[in-house]
PDB file of N, CA and C in Angstrom:
ATOM      1  N   MET A   1    -157.637 -23.472-100.154  1.00  0.00           N
ATOM      2  CA  MET A   1    -156.980 -22.419-100.405  1.00  0.00           C
ATOM      3  C   MET A   1    -155.596 -22.356 -99.256  1.00  0.00           C
ATOM      4  N   THR A   2    -154.533 -21.532-100.758  1.00  0.00           N
ATOM      5  CA  THR A   2    -153.737 -21.172-100.112  1.00  0.00           C
ATOM      6  C   THR A   2    -152.759 -20.102 -98.995  1.00  0.00           C
ATOM      7  N   ILE A   3    -151.865 -20.627 -98.163  1.00  0.00           N
ATOM      8  CA  ILE A   3    -151.645 -19.545 -97.349  1.00  0.00           C
ATOM      9  C   ILE A   3    -150.497 -19.910 -97.731  1.00  0.00           C
ATOM     10  N   LYS A   4    -150.751 -18.208 -97.247  1.00  0.00           N
ATOM     11  CA  LYS A   4    -149.265 -17.395 -97.448  1.00  0.00           C
ATOM     12  C   LYS A   4    -148.412 -17.177 -96.859  1.00  0.00           C
ATOM     13  N   LEU A   5    -146.950 -17.310 -96.534  1.00  0.00           N
ATOM     14  CA  LEU A   5    -146.689 -16.823 -95.880  1.00  0.00           C
ATOM     15  C   LEU A   5    -144.979 -15.527 -96.081  1.00  0.00           C
ATOM     16  N   TYR A   6    -145.811 -14.439 -95.491  1.00  0.00           N
ATOM     17  CA  TYR A   6    -144.558 -13.315 -95.181  1.00  0.00           C
ATOM     18  C   TYR A   6    -143.294 -13.493 -94.911  1.00  0.00           C
ATOM     19  N   HIS A   7    -142.233 -13.496 -95.399  1.00  0.00           N
ATOM     20  CA  HIS A   7    -141.039 -14.582 -95.303  1.00  0.00           C
ATOM     21  C   HIS A   7    -139.658 -13.882 -95.741  1.00  0.00           C
ATOM     22  N   ASN A   8    -138.760 -13.839 -94.271  1.00  0.00           N
ATOM     23  CA  ASN A   8    -137.665 -13.131 -94.431  1.00  0.00           C
ATOM     24  C   ASN A   8    -137.256 -14.535 -93.636  1.00  0.00           C
ATOM     25  N   PRO A   9    -135.837 -15.101 -94.348  1.00  0.00           N
ATOM     26  CA  PRO A   9    -135.736 -16.021 -94.942  1.00  0.00           C
ATOM     27  C   PRO A   9    -134.078 -15.790 -92.818  1.00  0.00           C
ATOM     28  N   ARG A  10    -133.790 -14.776 -93.107  1.00  0.00           N
ATOM     29  CA  ARG A  10    -133.209 -14.433 -92.570  1.00  0.00           C
ATOM     30  C   ARG A  10    -133.305 -14.188 -90.994  1.00  0.00           C
ATOM     31  N   CYS A  11    -134.444 -14.475 -90.654  1.00  0.00           N
ATOM     32  CA  CYS A  11    -135.095 -14.454 -89.617  1.00  0.00           C
ATOM     33  C   CYS A  11    -135.145 -15.792 -88.737  1.00  0.00           C
ATOM     34  N   SER A  12    -135.136 -15.682 -87.148  1.00  0.00           N
ATOM     35  CA  SER A  12    -135.142 -17.466 -86.532  1.00  0.00           C
ATOM     36  C   SER A  12    -136.233 -17.305 -86.443  1.00  0.00           C
ATOM     37  N   LYS A  13    -137.627 -16.505 -85.769  1.00  0.00           N
ATOM     38  CA  LYS A  13    -138.783 -16.132 -86.239  1.00  0.00           C
ATOM     39  C   LYS A  13    -139.242 -17.107 -87.360  1.00  0.00           C
ATOM     40  N   SER A  14    -139.150 -16.282 -88.762  1.00  0.00           N
ATOM     41  CA  SER A  14    -139.952 -16.703 -89.839  1.00  0.00           C
ATOM     42  C   SER A  14    -139.390 -18.190 -90.343  1.00  0.00           C
ATOM     43  N   ARG A  15    -138.425 -18.326 -90.085  1.00  0.00           N
ATOM     44  CA  ARG A  15    -137.915 -19.672 -90.270  1.00  0.00           C
ATOM     45  C   ARG A  15    -138.269 -20.856 -89.382  1.00  0.00           C
ATOM     46  N   GLN A  16    -138.377 -20.611 -88.314  1.00  0.00           N
ATOM     47  CA  GLN A  16    -139.351 -21.436 -87.560  1.00  0.00           C
ATOM     48  C   GLN A  16    -141.149 -21.364 -87.438  1.00  0.00           C
ATOM     49  N   THR A  17    -141.192 -20.162 -88.164  1.00  0.00           N
ATOM     50  CA  THR A  17    -142.458 -20.758 -88.304  1.00  0.00           C
ATOM     51  C   THR A  17    -142.799 -21.017 -90.026  1.00  0.00           C
ATOM     52  N   LEU A  18    -142.363 -21.226 -90.622  1.00  0.00           N
ATOM     53  CA  LEU A  18    -141.892 -21.772 -91.985  1.00  0.00           C
ATOM     54  C   LEU A  18    -141.695 -23.326 -91.187  1.00  0.00           C
ATOM     55  N   THR A  19    -140.849 -23.737 -91.144  1.00  0.00           N
ATOM     56  CA  THR A  19    -140.731 -24.831 -90.003  1.00  0.00           C
ATOM     57  C   THR A  19    -142.065 -25.556 -89.789  1.00  0.00           C
ATOM     58  N   LEU A  20    -142.665 -24.720 -88.489  1.00  0.00           N
ATOM     59  CA  LEU A  20    -144.040 -25.786 -88.303  1.00  0.00           C
ATOM     60  C   LEU A  20    -144.823 -25.968 -89.059  1.00  0.00           C
ATOM     61  N   LEU A  21    -144.798 -24.633 -90.006  1.00  0.00           N
ATOM     62  CA  LEU A  21    -146.177 -25.047 -91.027  1.00  0.00           C
ATOM     63  C   LEU A  21    -145.968 -26.125 -91.630  1.00  0.00           C
ATOM     64  N   GLU A  22    -144.869 -26.793 -92.321  1.00  0.00           N
ATOM     65  CA  GLU A  22    -144.498 -28.086 -92.973  1.00  0.00           C
ATOM     66  C   GLU A  22    -144.682 -28.722 -92.255  1.00  0.00           C
ATOM     67  N   GLN A  23    -143.947 -29.375 -90.797  1.00  0.00           N
ATOM     68  CA  GLN A  23    -144.771 -29.751 -89.820  1.00  0.00           C
ATOM     69  C   GLN A  23    -146.082 -30.530 -90.083  1.00  0.00           C
ATOM     70  N   ARG A  24    -147.387 -29.227 -89.779  1.00  0.00           N
ATOM     71  CA  ARG A  24    -148.341 -29.737 -89.700  1.00  0.00           C
ATOM     72  C   ARG A  24    -148.626 -29.959 -91.338  1.00  0.00           C
ATOM     73  N   GLY A  25    -147.696 -30.048 -92.383  1.00  0.00           N
ATOM     74  CA  GLY A  25    -148.262 -30.938 -93.487  1.00  0.00           C
ATOM     75  C   GLY A  25    -148.286 -29.597 -94.333  1.00  0.00           C
ATOM     76  N   HIS A  26    -148.978 -28.531 -94.954  1.00  0.00           N
ATOM     77  CA  HIS A  26    -149.087 -27.203 -95.298  1.00  0.00           C
ATOM     78  C   HIS A  26    -147.423 -27.096 -95.643  1.00  0.00           C
ATOM     79  N   GLN A  27    -147.714 -26.915 -97.623  1.00  0.00           N
ATOM     80  CA  GLN A  27    -146.595 -25.958 -98.327  1.00  0.00           C
ATOM     81  C   GLN A  27    -146.722 -24.645 -98.141  1.00  0.00           C
ATOM     82  N   PRO A  28    -147.089 -23.467 -97.709  1.00  0.00           N
ATOM     83  CA  PRO A  28    -147.574 -22.094 -97.958  1.00  0.00           C
ATOM     84  C   PRO A  28    -146.534 -21.638 -99.406  1.00  0.00           C
ATOM     85  N   GLU A  29    -148.057 -20.710 -99.811  1.00  0.00           N
ATOM     86  CA  GLU A  29    -147.036 -19.887-100.910  1.00  0.00           C
ATOM     87  C   GLU A  29    -146.094 -18.777 -99.764  1.00  0.00           C
ATOM     88  N   ILE A  30    -144.520 -18.824-100.257  1.00  0.00           N
ATOM     89  CA  ILE A  30    -143.778 -17.880 -99.350  1.00  0.00           C
ATOM     90  C   ILE A  30    -143.532 -16.857-100.637  1.00  0.00           C
ATOM     91  N   ILE A  31    -143.463 -15.728 -99.451  1.00  0.00           N
ATOM     92  CA  ILE A  31    -143.229 -14.352-100.593  1.00  0.00           C
ATOM     93  C   ILE A  31    -142.349 -13.931 -99.433  1.00  0.00           C
ATOM     94  N   LYS A  32    -140.646 -13.732-100.425  1.00  0.00           N
ATOM     95  CA  LYS A  32    -139.938 -12.906 -99.706  1.00  0.00           C
ATOM     96  C   LYS A  32    -140.138 -11.747 -99.788  1.00  0.00           C
ATOM     97  N   TYR A  33    -140.752 -10.760 -98.753  1.00  0.00           N
ATOM     98  CA  TYR A  33    -141.558  -9.293 -98.410  1.00  0.00           C
ATOM     99  C   TYR A  33    -139.926  -8.522 -98.598  1.00  0.00           C
ATOM    100  N   LEU A  34    -138.917  -9.149 -98.588  1.00  0.00           N
ATOM    101  CA  LEU A  34    -137.670  -7.242 -98.466  1.00  0.00           C
ATOM    102  C   LEU A  34    -137.821  -7.845-100.254  1.00  0.00           C
ATOM    103  N   GLU A  35    -137.624  -8.532-101.108  1.00  0.00           N
ATOM    104  CA  GLU A  35    -137.125  -8.826-102.230  1.00  0.00           C
ATOM    105  C   GLU A  35    -139.067  -8.369-103.174  1.00  0.00           C
ATOM    106  N   THR A  36    -139.794  -8.299-103.123  1.00  0.00           N
ATOM    107  CA  THR A  36    -141.519  -7.882-103.102  1.00  0.00           C
ATOM    108  C   THR A  36    -141.978  -8.063-102.597  1.00  0.00           C
ATOM    109  N   PRO A  37    -142.124  -6.600-102.303  1.00  0.00           N
ATOM    110  CA  PRO A  37    -142.697  -5.838-101.132  1.00  0.00           C
ATOM    111  C   PRO A  37    -144.005  -5.916-100.807  1.00  0.00           C
ATOM    112  N   PRO A  38    -144.827  -6.430-100.057  1.00  0.00           N
ATOM    113  CA  PRO A  38    -147.057  -5.455-100.887  1.00  0.00           C
ATOM    114  C   PRO A  38    -146.857  -4.370-101.021  1.00  0.00           C
ATOM    115  N   ASP A  39    -147.641  -4.166-101.637  1.00  0.00           N
ATOM    116  CA  ASP A  39    -147.792  -2.657-101.758  1.00  0.00           C
ATOM    117  C   ASP A  39    -149.371  -2.291-101.079  1.00  0.00           C
ATOM    118  N   ALA A  40    -149.329  -0.955-100.926  1.00  0.00           N
ATOM    119  CA  ALA A  40    -150.573  -0.099 -99.761  1.00  0.00           C
ATOM    120  C   ALA A  40    -151.266  -0.627 -99.759  1.00  0.00           C
ATOM    121  N   ASP A  41    -152.132  -1.341-100.549  1.00  0.00           N
ATOM    122  CA  ASP A  41    -153.184  -1.677-100.220  1.00  0.00           C
ATOM    123  C   ASP A  41    -153.344  -3.691-100.170  1.00  0.00           C
ATOM    124  N   THR A  42    -152.390  -4.256-100.218  1.00  0.00           N
ATOM    125  CA  THR A  42    -152.004  -5.674 -99.835  1.00  0.00           C
ATOM    126  C   THR A  42    -152.100  -5.211 -98.663  1.00  0.00           C
ATOM    127  N   LEU A  43    -151.377  -4.163 -97.962  1.00  0.00           N
ATOM    128  CA  LEU A  43    -150.928  -3.956 -96.288  1.00  0.00           C
ATOM    129  C   LEU A  43    -152.172  -3.652 -95.758  1.00  0.00           C
ATOM    130  N   LYS A  44    -153.509  -3.236 -95.829  1.00  0.00           N
ATOM    131  CA  LYS A  44    -154.257  -3.021 -95.709  1.00  0.00           C
ATOM    132  C   LYS A  44    -154.721  -3.496 -95.734  1.00  0.00           C
ATOM    133  N   ARG A  45    -154.778  -5.289 -96.731  1.00  0.00           N
ATOM    134  CA  ARG A  45    -155.912  -5.824 -96.504  1.00  0.00           C
ATOM    135  C   ARG A  45    -154.829  -6.678 -95.135  1.00  0.00           C
ATOM    136  N   ILE A  46    -153.886  -7.079 -94.901  1.00  0.00           N
ATOM    137  CA  ILE A  46    -153.394  -7.769 -94.589  1.00  0.00           C
ATOM    138  C   ILE A  46    -153.586  -7.506 -92.699  1.00  0.00           C
ATOM    139  N   ILE A  47    -153.469  -5.652 -92.733  1.00  0.00           N
ATOM    140  CA  ILE A  47    -153.964  -5.062 -91.354  1.00  0.00           C
ATOM    141  C   ILE A  47    -155.142  -5.296 -91.326  1.00  0.00           C
ATOM    142  N   ALA A  48    -155.656  -5.522 -91.792  1.00  0.00           N
ATOM    143  CA  ALA A  48    -157.816  -5.728 -91.668  1.00  0.00           C
ATOM    144  C   ALA A  48    -157.326  -7.104 -91.047  1.00  0.00           C
ATOM    145  N   ALA A  49    -156.816  -8.332 -91.367  1.00  0.00           N
ATOM    146  CA  ALA A  49    -156.759  -9.773 -91.061  1.00  0.00           C
ATOM    147  C   ALA A  49    -156.473 -10.082 -90.760  1.00  0.00           C
ATOM    148  N   LEU A  50    -154.874  -9.002 -89.796  1.00  0.00           N
ATOM    149  CA  LEU A  50    -154.507  -9.336 -88.033  1.00  0.00           C
ATOM    150  C   LEU A  50    -156.231  -8.433 -87.139  1.00  0.00           C
ATOM    151  N   GLY A  51    -155.956  -7.157 -87.531  1.00  0.00           N
ATOM    152  CA  GLY A  51    -157.306  -6.808 -87.091  1.00  0.00           C
ATOM    153  C   GLY A  51    -156.236  -5.867 -85.852  1.00  0.00           C
ATOM    154  N   LEU A  52    -155.677  -5.602 -86.387  1.00  0.00           N
ATOM    155  CA  LEU A  52    -154.780  -4.690 -85.995  1.00  0.00           C
ATOM    156  C   LEU A  52    -154.571  -3.435 -86.582  1.00  0.00           C
ATOM    157  N   SER A  53    -153.610  -2.403 -85.722  1.00  0.00           N
ATOM    158  CA  SER A  53    -153.665  -0.864 -86.534  1.00  0.00           C
ATOM    159  C   SER A  53    -152.349  -0.962 -87.272  1.00  0.00           C
ATOM    160  N   ALA A  54    -152.525  -0.158 -88.596  1.00  0.00           N
ATOM    161  CA  ALA A  54    -150.771  -0.080 -89.223  1.00  0.00           C
ATOM    162  C   ALA A  54    -149.266  -0.219 -88.376  1.00  0.00           C
ATOM    163  N   HIS A  55    -149.477   0.525 -86.506  1.00  0.00           N
ATOM    164  CA  HIS A  55    -148.352   0.953 -86.462  1.00  0.00           C
ATOM    165  C   HIS A  55    -148.440  -0.024 -85.473  1.00  0.00           C
ATOM    166  N   ASP A  56    -149.175  -1.070 -85.648  1.00  0.00           N
ATOM    167  CA  ASP A  56    -148.701  -2.118 -84.461  1.00  0.00           C
ATOM    168  C   ASP A  56    -148.171  -3.169 -85.538  1.00  0.00           C
ATOM    169  N   LEU A  57    -148.123  -3.045 -86.735  1.00  0.00           N
ATOM    170  CA  LEU A  57    -147.790  -3.993 -87.309  1.00  0.00           C
ATOM    171  C   LEU A  57    -146.298  -3.521 -87.874  1.00  0.00           C
ATOM    172  N   ILE A  58    -145.995  -2.745 -87.341  1.00  0.00           N
ATOM    173  CA  ILE A  58    -144.586  -1.907 -87.799  1.00  0.00           C
ATOM    174  C   ILE A  58    -143.409  -2.370 -86.795  1.00  0.00           C
ATOM    175  N   ARG A  59    -142.178  -2.404 -86.963  1.00  0.00           N
ATOM    176  CA  ARG A  59    -141.367  -2.692 -86.562  1.00  0.00           C
ATOM    177  C   ARG A  59    -140.643  -1.375 -85.645  1.00  0.00           C
ATOM    178  N   GLN A  60    -140.697  -1.575 -84.560  1.00  0.00           N
ATOM    179  CA  GLN A  60    -140.391   0.317 -83.830  1.00  0.00           C
ATOM    180  C   GLN A  60    -138.620   0.379 -83.681  1.00  0.00           C
ATOM    181  N   GLY A  61    -138.847  -0.990 -83.363  1.00  0.00           N
ATOM    182  CA  GLY A  61    -136.595  -0.606 -83.377  1.00  0.00           C
ATOM    183  C   GLY A  61    -135.735  -0.841 -84.075  1.00  0.00           C
ATOM    184  N   GLU A  62    -136.549  -0.332 -85.316  1.00  0.00           N
ATOM    185  CA  GLU A  62    -135.604  -0.834 -86.749  1.00  0.00           C
ATOM    186  C   GLU A  62    -135.615   1.482 -87.065  1.00  0.00           C
ATOM    187  N   ALA A  63    -134.039   1.135 -87.507  1.00  0.00           N
ATOM    188  CA  ALA A  63    -133.339   2.700 -87.606  1.00  0.00           C
ATOM    189  C   ALA A  63    -134.811   3.915 -88.514  1.00  0.00           C
ATOM    190  N   VAL A  64    -134.924   2.509 -89.520  1.00  0.00           N
ATOM    191  CA  VAL A  64    -135.788   3.642 -90.036  1.00  0.00           C
ATOM    192  C   VAL A  64    -137.171   4.533 -89.443  1.00  0.00           C
ATOM    193  N   TYR A  65    -137.412   3.312 -88.673  1.00  0.00           N
ATOM    194  CA  TYR A  65    -138.295   4.248 -87.867  1.00  0.00           C
ATOM    195  C   TYR A  65    -138.238   5.705 -87.345  1.00  0.00           C
ATOM    196  N   LYS A  66    -137.428   5.751 -86.901  1.00  0.00           N
ATOM    197  CA  LYS A  66    -137.081   6.792 -86.319  1.00  0.00           C
ATOM    198  C   LYS A  66    -136.630   8.211 -86.866  1.00  0.00           C
ATOM    199  N   GLU A  67    -136.091   8.045 -88.552  1.00  0.00           N
ATOM    200  CA  GLU A  67    -135.073   7.975 -89.874  1.00  0.00           C
ATOM    201  C   GLU A  67    -136.984   8.830 -90.424  1.00  0.00           C
ATOM    202  N   LEU A  68    -137.681   8.010 -90.789  1.00  0.00           N
ATOM    203  CA  LEU A  68    -138.419   8.819 -90.866  1.00  0.00           C
ATOM    204  C   LEU A  68    -139.933  10.037 -90.031  1.00  0.00           C
ATOM    205  N   GLY A  69    -139.363   9.466 -88.652  1.00  0.00           N
ATOM    206  CA  GLY A  69    -139.897   9.919 -87.820  1.00  0.00           C
ATOM    207  C   GLY A  69    -141.933   9.864 -87.717  1.00  0.00           C
ATOM    208  N   LEU A  70    -141.665   8.123 -87.389  1.00  0.00           N
ATOM    209  CA  LEU A  70    -143.475   7.683 -87.201  1.00  0.00           C
ATOM    210  C   LEU A  70    -143.288   7.435 -86.145  1.00  0.00           C
ATOM    211  N   SER A  71    -145.245   7.312 -86.075  1.00  0.00           N
ATOM    212  CA  SER A  71    -145.361   7.861 -84.579  1.00  0.00           C
ATOM    213  C   SER A  71    -146.085   6.926 -84.632  1.00  0.00           C
ATOM    214  N   PRO A  72    -147.082   6.479 -83.163  1.00  0.00           N
ATOM    215  CA  PRO A  72    -148.312   5.275 -83.621  1.00  0.00           C
ATOM    216  C   PRO A  72    -149.266   6.893 -83.669  1.00  0.00           C
ATOM    217  N   ASP A  73    -149.217   8.412 -84.139  1.00  0.00           N
ATOM    218  CA  ASP A  73    -150.061   9.381 -83.374  1.00  0.00           C
ATOM    219  C   ASP A  73    -150.357  10.272 -85.392  1.00  0.00           C
ATOM    220  N   LEU A  74    -149.346   9.049 -85.994  1.00  0.00           N
ATOM    221  CA  LEU A  74    -149.407  10.021 -87.714  1.00  0.00           C
ATOM    222  C   LEU A  74    -150.334   8.548 -87.979  1.00  0.00           C
ATOM    223  N   PRO A  75    -151.818   9.286 -89.075  1.00  0.00           N
ATOM    224  CA  PRO A  75    -152.468   8.968 -89.913  1.00  0.00           C
ATOM    225  C   PRO A  75    -152.084   7.180 -89.929  1.00  0.00           C
ATOM    226  N   GLU A  76    -153.273   6.297 -90.646  1.00  0.00           N
ATOM    227  CA  GLU A  76    -152.862   4.874 -90.954  1.00  0.00           C
ATOM    228  C   GLU A  76    -152.330   5.171 -92.462  1.00  0.00           C
ATOM    229  N   GLN A  77    -152.982   5.838 -92.808  1.00  0.00           N
ATOM    230  CA  GLN A  77    -152.591   5.584 -94.577  1.00  0.00           C
ATOM    231  C   GLN A  77    -150.744   6.353 -94.849  1.00  0.00           C
ATOM    232  N   ARG A  78    -150.248   6.947 -93.820  1.00  0.00           N
ATOM    233  CA  ARG A  78    -148.732   7.729 -93.733  1.00  0.00           C
ATOM    234  C   ARG A  78    -148.017   6.085 -93.459  1.00  0.00           C
ATOM    235  N   LEU A  79    -148.350   5.241 -92.116  1.00  0.00           N
ATOM    236  CA  LEU A  79    -147.260   4.212 -92.069  1.00  0.00           C
ATOM    237  C   LEU A  79    -148.034   2.916 -92.479  1.00  0.00           C
ATOM    238  N   VAL A  80    -149.104   3.219 -93.361  1.00  0.00           N
ATOM    239  CA  VAL A  80    -148.518   1.846 -94.944  1.00  0.00           C
ATOM    240  C   VAL A  80    -147.996   2.322 -95.745  1.00  0.00           C
ATOM    241  N   GLU A  81    -148.040   3.153 -95.966  1.00  0.00           N
ATOM    242  CA  GLU A  81    -147.397   4.011 -97.488  1.00  0.00           C
ATOM    243  C   GLU A  81    -145.673   3.910 -96.716  1.00  0.00           C
ATOM    244  N   ALA A  82    -145.447   4.480 -95.080  1.00  0.00           N
ATOM    245  CA  ALA A  82    -144.094   3.581 -94.999  1.00  0.00           C
ATOM    246  C   ALA A  82    -143.662   2.392 -95.209  1.00  0.00           C
ATOM    247  N   MET A  83    -144.468   1.343 -94.302  1.00  0.00           N
ATOM    248  CA  MET A  83    -143.772   0.578 -95.146  1.00  0.00           C
ATOM    249  C   MET A  83    -143.673  -0.650 -96.091  1.00  0.00           C
ATOM    250  N   ALA A  84    -145.001   0.213 -96.980  1.00  0.00           N
ATOM    251  CA  ALA A  84    -144.483  -0.655 -99.020  1.00  0.00           C
ATOM    252  C   ALA A  84    -143.264   0.304 -99.226  1.00  0.00           C
ATOM    253  N   SER A  85    -143.228   1.641 -99.128  1.00  0.00           N
ATOM    254  CA  SER A  85    -141.447   1.506 -99.237  1.00  0.00           C
ATOM    255  C   SER A  85    -140.692   1.566 -98.736  1.00  0.00           C
ATOM    256  N   GLU A  86    -140.529   0.658 -97.046  1.00  0.00           N
ATOM    257  CA  GLU A  86    -139.490   0.000 -97.103  1.00  0.00           C
ATOM    258  C   GLU A  86    -139.888  -0.884 -95.728  1.00  0.00           C
ATOM    259  N   PRO A  87    -139.940  -1.918 -96.304  1.00  0.00           N
ATOM    260  CA  PRO A  87    -140.446  -3.041 -96.188  1.00  0.00           C
ATOM    261  C   PRO A  87    -139.821  -4.164 -95.391  1.00  0.00           C
ATOM    262  N   ARG A  88    -138.854  -3.094 -94.472  1.00  0.00           N
ATOM    263  CA  ARG A  88    -137.851  -3.985 -93.173  1.00  0.00           C
ATOM    264  C   ARG A  88    -138.923  -3.538 -91.955  1.00  0.00           C
ATOM    265  N   LEU A  89    -139.897  -2.422 -92.451  1.00  0.00           N
ATOM    266  CA  LEU A  89    -140.790  -1.918 -91.500  1.00  0.00           C
ATOM    267  C   LEU A  89    -141.439  -3.275 -90.861  1.00  0.00           C
ATOM    268  N   ILE A  90    -141.900  -3.834 -91.552  1.00  0.00           N
ATOM    269  CA  ILE A  90    -143.271  -4.689 -91.611  1.00  0.00           C
ATOM    270  C   ILE A  90    -142.665  -5.660 -90.378  1.00  0.00           C
ATOM    271  N   GLN A  91    -144.098  -5.766 -89.680  1.00  0.00           N
ATOM    272  CA  GLN A  91    -143.209  -7.382 -88.624  1.00  0.00           C
ATOM    273  C   GLN A  91    -143.354  -8.167 -89.719  1.00  0.00           C
ATOM    274  N   ARG A  92    -142.355  -9.899 -88.900  1.00  0.00           N
ATOM    275  CA  ARG A  92    -142.820 -11.047 -89.467  1.00  0.00           C
ATOM    276  C   ARG A  92    -142.873 -12.083 -88.402  1.00  0.00           C
ATOM    277  N   PRO A  93    -142.705 -13.132 -88.533  1.00  0.00           N
ATOM    278  CA  PRO A  93    -143.998 -13.882 -89.572  1.00  0.00           C
ATOM    279  C   PRO A  93    -145.212 -12.962 -90.139  1.00  0.00           C
ATOM    280  N   ILE A  94    -145.859 -13.101 -91.245  1.00  0.00           N
ATOM    281  CA  ILE A  94    -147.372 -13.301 -91.184  1.00  0.00           C
ATOM    282  C   ILE A  94    -147.429 -14.248 -92.156  1.00  0.00           C
ATOM    283  N   VAL A  95    -148.609 -14.791 -91.749  1.00  0.00           N
ATOM    284  CA  VAL A  95    -149.192 -15.980 -91.800  1.00  0.00           C
ATOM    285  C   VAL A  95    -150.754 -16.056 -92.392  1.00  0.00           C
ATOM    286  N   ILE A  96    -150.503 -16.365 -93.609  1.00  0.00           N
ATOM    287  CA  ILE A  96    -152.684 -15.539 -94.316  1.00  0.00           C
ATOM    288  C   ILE A  96    -153.293 -16.803 -94.386  1.00  0.00           C
ATOM    289  N   ASN A  97    -154.127 -17.063 -94.253  1.00  0.00           N
ATOM    290  CA  ASN A  97    -154.892 -18.409 -93.980  1.00  0.00           C
ATOM    291  C   ASN A  97    -156.338 -18.231 -94.470  1.00  0.00           C
ATOM    292  N   GLY A  98    -157.101 -17.750 -95.659  1.00  0.00           N
ATOM    293  CA  GLY A  98    -157.670 -16.868 -95.608  1.00  0.00           C
ATOM    294  C   GLY A  98    -158.154 -15.605 -95.857  1.00  0.00           C
ATOM    295  N   ASP A  99    -159.330 -15.426 -95.423  1.00  0.00           N
ATOM    296  CA  ASP A  99    -159.622 -13.529 -94.434  1.00  0.00           C
ATOM    297  C   ASP A  99    -158.507 -13.765 -93.208  1.00  0.00           C
ATOM    298  N   GLN A 100    -158.140 -14.953 -92.843  1.00  0.00           N
ATOM    299  CA  GLN A 100    -156.746 -14.777 -90.744  1.00  0.00           C
ATOM    300  C   GLN A 100    -155.321 -14.194 -91.031  1.00  0.00           C
ATOM    301  N   ALA A 101    -155.326 -13.666 -91.047  1.00  0.00           N
ATOM    302  CA  ALA A 101    -153.874 -13.923 -90.281  1.00  0.00           C
ATOM    303  C   ALA A 101    -152.847 -13.834 -89.223  1.00  0.00           C
ATOM    304  N   ARG A 102    -151.876 -13.906 -88.727  1.00  0.00           N
ATOM    305  CA  ARG A 102    -151.268 -13.631 -87.822  1.00  0.00           C
ATOM    306  C   ARG A 102    -150.006 -13.837 -88.372  1.00  0.00           C
ATOM    307  N   ILE A 103    -149.287 -13.207 -86.969  1.00  0.00           N
ATOM    308  CA  ILE A 103    -148.047 -12.527 -87.168  1.00  0.00           C
ATOM    309  C   ILE A 103    -147.734 -13.894 -86.341  1.00  0.00           C
ATOM    310  N   GLY A 104    -146.284 -14.714 -86.456  1.00  0.00           N
ATOM    311  CA  GLY A 104    -145.166 -15.826 -85.680  1.00  0.00           C
ATOM    312  C   GLY A 104    -145.221 -15.253 -84.937  1.00  0.00           C
ATOM    313  N   ARG A 105    -145.117 -14.608 -84.096  1.00  0.00           N
ATOM    314  CA  ARG A 105    -144.208 -14.240 -82.355  1.00  0.00           C
ATOM    315  C   ARG A 105    -145.003 -14.363 -81.139  1.00  0.00           C
ATOM    316  N   PRO A 106    -144.811 -15.416 -80.647  1.00  0.00           N
ATOM    317  CA  PRO A 106    -144.021 -16.851 -81.344  1.00  0.00           C
ATOM    318  C   PRO A 106    -144.996 -17.003 -82.529  1.00  0.00           C
ATOM    319  N   PRO A 107    -144.085 -18.342 -83.266  1.00  0.00           N
ATOM    320  CA  PRO A 107    -144.410 -19.229 -84.126  1.00  0.00           C
ATOM    321  C   PRO A 107    -145.520 -19.941 -84.282  1.00  0.00           C
ATOM    322  N   GLU A 108    -146.473 -20.221 -83.015  1.00  0.00           N
ATOM    323  CA  GLU A 108    -147.300 -21.049 -82.186  1.00  0.00           C
ATOM    324  C   GLU A 108    -148.568 -19.723 -82.486  1.00  0.00           C
ATOM    325  N   THR A 109    -147.932 -19.037 -82.576  1.00  0.00           N
ATOM    326  CA  THR A 109    -149.614 -18.334 -82.956  1.00  0.00           C
ATOM    327  C   THR A 109    -149.905 -18.562 -83.883  1.00  0.00           C
ATOM    328  N   VAL A 110    -149.525 -18.670 -85.409  1.00  0.00           N
ATOM    329  CA  VAL A 110    -150.109 -19.505 -86.664  1.00  0.00           C
ATOM    330  C   VAL A 110    -150.892 -20.067 -86.581  1.00  0.00           C
ATOM    331  N   LEU A 111    -150.706 -21.228 -85.923  1.00  0.00           N
ATOM    332  CA  LEU A 111    -151.538 -22.349 -85.046  1.00  0.00           C
ATOM    333  C   LEU A 111    -152.832 -21.879 -85.115  1.00  0.00           C
ATOM    334  N   GLU A 112    -153.315 -20.699 -84.700  1.00  0.00           N
ATOM    335  CA  GLU A 112    -154.769 -20.310 -84.253  1.00  0.00           C
ATOM    336  C   GLU A 112    -155.941 -20.605 -85.549  1.00  0.00           C
ATOM    337  N   ILE A 113    -154.621 -20.604 -86.786  1.00  0.00           N
ATOM    338  CA  ILE A 113    -155.327 -19.583 -87.979  1.00  0.00           C
ATOM    339  C   ILE A 113    -155.266 -21.457 -89.457  1.00  0.00           C
ATOM    340  N   LEU A 114    -155.138 -22.132 -88.362  1.00  0.00           N
ATOM    341  CA  LEU A 114    -154.706 -23.337 -89.698  1.00  0.00           C
ATOM    342  C   LEU A 114    -155.542 -24.010 -89.231  1.00  0.00           C
TER     343      LEU A 114
END
């Protein structure tokens, strides 16, 4: 089974997570999600694998969060659509291994699913 890494090379946590995976002998499929954003269905699968709400996957400090009027009170579908249209809202990095996923903050969190 291929490990997937939703990666932003400009993010230090994302780079550290990739290094950690490589040091453990894993060569993940790297998905540069800002260039190739996941669609709404993919985001729903990621959210389910993480065991989180859609709002928990959103970077609330991004300016676009306020611009779009996002909040935890909005329906899950609206939050998923916002992340699909504005991928910089998505927390990073995300590692997926089978039906499990973790956000690499801190990077060592992903070791739980290897």
